[in-house]
Amino acid sequence: MESRNNMNLNLEDLLGAQINIDKNGMKVIRLSDVKLPYLNNNSVYVKRLEPTYFAGDLVYGEFRNLCRIHDIAPDYTVAPYALIVDKQGHYVGYLMEAVAGEDLEIDKRKLMLPGEAREVRSQIVSAMGLLHSKGIGHGDLDYSNIVKYKKDGQAYIKLIDPAPSLRRKDDERNIREDKKWLKSMMSDYWEDRDVRFTSQWKQAKNF
């Protein structure tokens, strides 16, 4: 997988703009340098959050958590590239890896073959095991925040859009939310219900 540092160099070439390091040690790019159509054609997704009073903290917290999740579980997480700042230096969004895939809402899960569904669930459980072992959680697990894509005929997942994390209590809350969702996942509809009691489900029950 390509590192964020390499991707930043590519983004600078792509945009003709500089990516800087801000006071929080985060890579940032000016909003005026973000060219949406061009970026979206080059495997980069631009996430903008609606402006609110605490939007800056939410953007920073979400991007920070995505960076940590990617550092721990890069095979299961989209790569975060840079925060977007406005003229005043406020965080208004971020750039991340774009994945050509689809979410796991029920109409998509119904179409999975048994082996594919088994592999996808196994990867979800494995990703959470890696994160929780380091004291970090996604915090907003949902079928719409898990992207399934295929490479060489094999199904893979990428986690997107985690909950913000600015302090230890946020990590603890995120882990609790992950555990609740994992347990509910066991009773949700999947095509191959016969695998509910295989090792991956036993592992999920232990969260």
Protein backbone atom coordinates (compact mmCIF):
# COMPACT_ATOMS: atom_id res chain seq x y z
CA MET A 1 0.00 0.00 0.00
CA GLU A 2 1.25 3.47 -0.87
CA SER A 3 2.28 5.57 2.09
CA ARG A 4 0.66 8.89 2.94
CA ASN A 5 4.02 10.61 2.45
CA ASN A 6 4.31 9.35 -1.12
CA MET A 7 0.72 10.28 -1.82
CA ASN A 8 1.30 13.80 -0.51
CA LEU A 9 4.09 14.27 -3.01
CA ASN A 10 1.76 13.11 -5.77
CA LEU A 11 -0.93 15.49 -4.57
CA GLU A 12 1.46 18.41 -4.68
CA ASP A 13 2.30 17.55 -8.28
CA LEU A 14 -1.35 17.02 -9.09
CA LEU A 15 -2.57 20.29 -7.61
CA GLY A 16 0.45 22.43 -8.18
CA ALA A 17 0.02 23.37 -4.51
CA GLN A 18 2.03 22.87 -1.37
CA ILE A 19 1.01 20.61 1.49
CA ASN A 20 2.18 22.06 4.79
CA ILE A 21 2.43 20.86 8.39
CA ASP A 22 0.31 22.87 10.84
CA LYS A 23 0.70 23.53 14.57
CA ASN A 24 -1.00 20.21 15.39
CA GLY A 25 1.51 18.31 13.28
CA MET A 26 -1.11 17.58 10.60
CA LYS A 27 -0.66 17.81 6.85
CA VAL A 28 -2.89 20.58 5.50
CA ILE A 29 -3.84 22.03 2.14
CA ARG A 30 -5.66 25.30 1.41
CA LEU A 31 -9.30 25.05 0.38
CA SER A 32 -8.59 27.28 -2.63
CA ASP A 33 -6.19 24.63 -3.95
CA VAL A 34 -8.74 21.81 -3.81
CA LYS A 35 -10.04 21.25 -7.33
CA LEU A 36 -12.96 18.85 -6.84
CA PRO A 37 -13.56 17.48 -10.39
CA TYR A 38 -9.86 16.95 -11.01
CA LEU A 39 -9.27 15.28 -7.67
CA ASN A 40 -12.30 13.01 -7.96
CA ASN A 41 -10.90 11.68 -11.24
CA ASN A 42 -7.63 10.78 -9.58
CA SER A 43 -8.64 8.40 -6.78
CA VAL A 44 -8.86 11.10 -4.14
CA TYR A 45 -12.08 11.72 -2.24
CA VAL A 46 -12.81 15.16 -0.81
CA LYS A 47 -14.86 15.14 2.38
CA ARG A 48 -16.42 18.44 3.39
CA LEU A 49 -18.26 18.73 6.70
CA GLU A 50 -21.12 21.15 7.20
CA PRO A 51 -19.95 24.29 9.04
CA THR A 52 -21.02 24.37 12.69
CA TYR A 53 -19.69 26.07 15.78
CA PHE A 54 -17.51 23.08 16.63
CA ALA A 55 -16.86 21.97 13.05
CA GLY A 56 -13.11 22.54 13.29
CA ASP A 57 -12.74 20.19 16.27
CA LEU A 58 -14.96 17.57 14.61
CA VAL A 59 -13.00 17.65 11.36
CA TYR A 60 -9.68 17.49 13.17
CA GLY A 61 -10.90 14.73 15.49
CA GLU A 62 -12.25 12.62 12.66
CA PHE A 63 -9.13 13.00 10.54
CA ARG A 64 -6.90 12.32 13.54
CA ASN A 65 -8.78 9.12 14.29
CA LEU A 66 -8.68 8.05 10.63
CA CYS A 67 -4.90 8.55 10.63
CA ARG A 68 -4.47 6.38 13.74
CA ILE A 69 -6.80 3.69 12.41
CA HIS A 70 -4.92 3.61 9.11
CA ASP A 71 -1.57 3.39 10.91
CA ILE A 72 -2.77 0.32 12.84
CA ALA A 73 -4.87 -1.39 10.16
CA PRO A 74 -3.79 -0.02 6.75
CA ASP A 75 -5.12 -3.03 4.85
CA TYR A 76 -8.63 -2.35 6.14
CA THR A 77 -8.75 1.47 6.08
CA VAL A 78 -8.79 4.21 3.46
CA ALA A 79 -5.62 6.28 3.49
CA PRO A 80 -5.97 9.81 4.91
CA TYR A 81 -3.99 12.40 2.92
CA ALA A 82 -4.41 15.94 4.26
CA LEU A 83 -6.74 18.27 6.14
CA ILE A 84 -8.35 21.14 4.24
CA VAL A 85 -8.14 24.61 5.78
CA ASP A 86 -9.93 27.82 4.83
CA LYS A 87 -8.40 31.32 4.68
CA GLN A 88 -8.63 31.67 8.45
CA GLY A 89 -6.87 28.33 9.00
CA HIS A 90 -10.02 26.54 10.18
CA TYR A 91 -10.39 22.86 9.36
CA VAL A 92 -13.27 22.42 6.91
CA GLY A 93 -12.68 18.91 5.54
CA TYR A 94 -10.02 16.49 4.42
CA LEU A 95 -8.67 14.47 1.51
CA MET A 96 -8.64 10.70 1.64
CA GLU A 97 -8.26 7.70 -0.61
CA ALA A 98 -11.20 7.04 -2.91
CA VAL A 99 -12.21 3.38 -3.21
CA ALA A 100 -14.12 2.09 -6.22
CA GLY A 101 -16.53 -0.13 -4.33
CA GLU A 102 -19.89 -0.20 -2.59
CA ASP A 103 -21.23 -0.09 0.93
CA LEU A 104 -22.71 -3.08 2.77
CA GLU A 105 -26.35 -2.06 3.07
CA ILE A 106 -28.81 -4.97 3.08
CA ASP A 107 -29.56 -4.92 -0.66
CA LYS A 108 -25.83 -5.35 -1.33
CA ARG A 109 -25.35 -8.05 1.32
CA LYS A 110 -28.16 -10.14 -0.20
CA LEU A 111 -26.20 -10.38 -3.43
CA MET A 112 -23.04 -11.80 -1.86
CA LEU A 113 -22.03 -15.38 -2.42
CA PRO A 114 -21.46 -17.34 0.82
CA GLY A 115 -17.69 -17.34 0.52
CA GLU A 116 -17.55 -13.62 -0.15
CA ALA A 117 -19.82 -12.77 2.78
CA ARG A 118 -17.71 -14.96 5.05
CA GLU A 119 -14.51 -13.20 3.95
CA VAL A 120 -15.98 -9.72 4.38
CA ARG A 121 -17.20 -10.46 7.90
CA SER A 122 -13.88 -11.99 8.80
CA GLN A 123 -12.07 -8.84 7.70
CA ILE A 124 -14.42 -6.63 9.73
CA VAL A 125 -13.74 -8.67 12.86
CA SER A 126 -9.99 -8.74 12.18
CA ALA A 127 -9.87 -4.97 11.71
CA MET A 128 -11.67 -4.36 15.00
CA GLY A 129 -9.40 -6.80 16.80
CA LEU A 130 -6.34 -4.86 15.63
CA LEU A 131 -7.76 -1.49 16.63
CA HIS A 132 -9.12 -2.52 20.02
CA SER A 133 -5.84 -4.21 20.95
CA LYS A 134 -4.26 -0.74 20.65
CA GLY A 135 -6.99 1.01 22.61
CA ILE A 136 -8.52 2.69 19.56
CA GLY A 137 -12.02 2.34 18.10
CA HIS A 138 -13.77 3.37 14.91
CA GLY A 139 -16.80 4.60 16.84
CA ASP A 140 -19.22 4.95 13.94
CA LEU A 141 -19.34 1.43 12.53
CA ASP A 142 -22.23 1.03 10.14
CA TYR A 143 -22.76 -0.81 6.89
CA SER A 144 -22.58 2.55 5.09
CA ASN A 145 -19.11 3.18 6.56
CA ILE A 146 -17.62 -0.08 5.30
CA VAL A 147 -16.74 -0.18 1.61
CA LYS A 148 -16.38 -3.51 -0.17
CA TYR A 149 -14.26 -3.65 -3.29
CA LYS A 150 -12.75 -6.39 -5.40
CA LYS A 151 -9.21 -6.96 -6.56
CA ASP A 152 -8.26 -9.96 -8.69
CA GLY A 153 -11.66 -11.48 -7.92
CA GLN A 154 -11.16 -11.28 -4.14
CA ALA A 155 -13.38 -9.20 -1.85
CA TYR A 156 -11.77 -6.67 0.49
CA ILE A 157 -13.05 -3.98 2.83
CA LYS A 158 -12.04 -0.42 3.67
CA LEU A 159 -13.27 1.45 6.73
CA ILE A 160 -14.27 5.10 6.22
CA ASP A 161 -15.71 8.00 8.25
CA PRO A 162 -14.79 7.14 11.86
CA ALA A 163 -16.10 9.05 14.85
CA PRO A 164 -13.86 11.89 16.07
CA SER A 165 -11.32 11.23 18.80
CA LEU A 166 -9.60 14.05 20.65
CA ARG A 167 -8.99 12.46 24.05
CA ARG A 168 -8.84 9.12 25.83
CA LYS A 169 -12.52 9.11 26.80
CA ASP A 170 -13.38 9.41 23.09
CA ASP A 171 -11.39 6.25 22.39
CA GLU A 172 -13.20 4.43 25.19
CA ARG A 173 -16.58 5.55 23.84
CA ASN A 174 -15.63 4.53 20.30
CA ILE A 175 -14.62 1.05 21.42
CA ARG A 176 -17.91 0.63 23.29
CA GLU A 177 -19.85 1.66 20.18
CA ASP A 178 -17.83 -0.77 18.04
CA LYS A 179 -18.60 -3.65 20.38
CA LYS A 180 -22.32 -2.92 20.34
CA TRP A 181 -22.36 -2.85 16.56
CA LEU A 182 -20.33 -6.04 16.20
CA LYS A 183 -22.80 -7.90 18.40
CA SER A 184 -25.75 -6.58 16.42
CA MET A 185 -24.03 -7.59 13.18
CA MET A 186 -24.33 -11.25 14.20
CA SER A 187 -28.13 -11.12 13.99
CA ASP A 188 -28.34 -9.05 10.81
CA TYR A 189 -29.33 -10.57 7.50
CA TRP A 190 -26.55 -12.02 5.37
CA GLU A 191 -26.87 -14.47 2.53
CA ASP A 192 -25.02 -17.36 4.18
CA ARG A 193 -26.56 -17.48 7.66
CA ASP A 194 -25.10 -20.95 8.21
CA VAL A 195 -21.72 -19.41 9.10
CA ARG A 196 -23.06 -17.50 12.10
CA PHE A 197 -21.44 -19.90 14.55
CA THR A 198 -18.10 -20.34 12.83
CA SER A 199 -14.90 -19.04 14.39
CA GLN A 200 -15.37 -15.47 13.20
CA TRP A 201 -18.70 -15.19 15.00
CA LYS A 202 -17.23 -16.68 18.16
CA GLN A 203 -14.47 -14.09 17.90
CA ALA A 204 -17.01 -11.28 17.46
CA LYS A 205 -18.89 -12.45 20.55
CA ASN A 206 -15.75 -11.94 22.60
CA PHE A 207 -15.67 -8.17 21.90
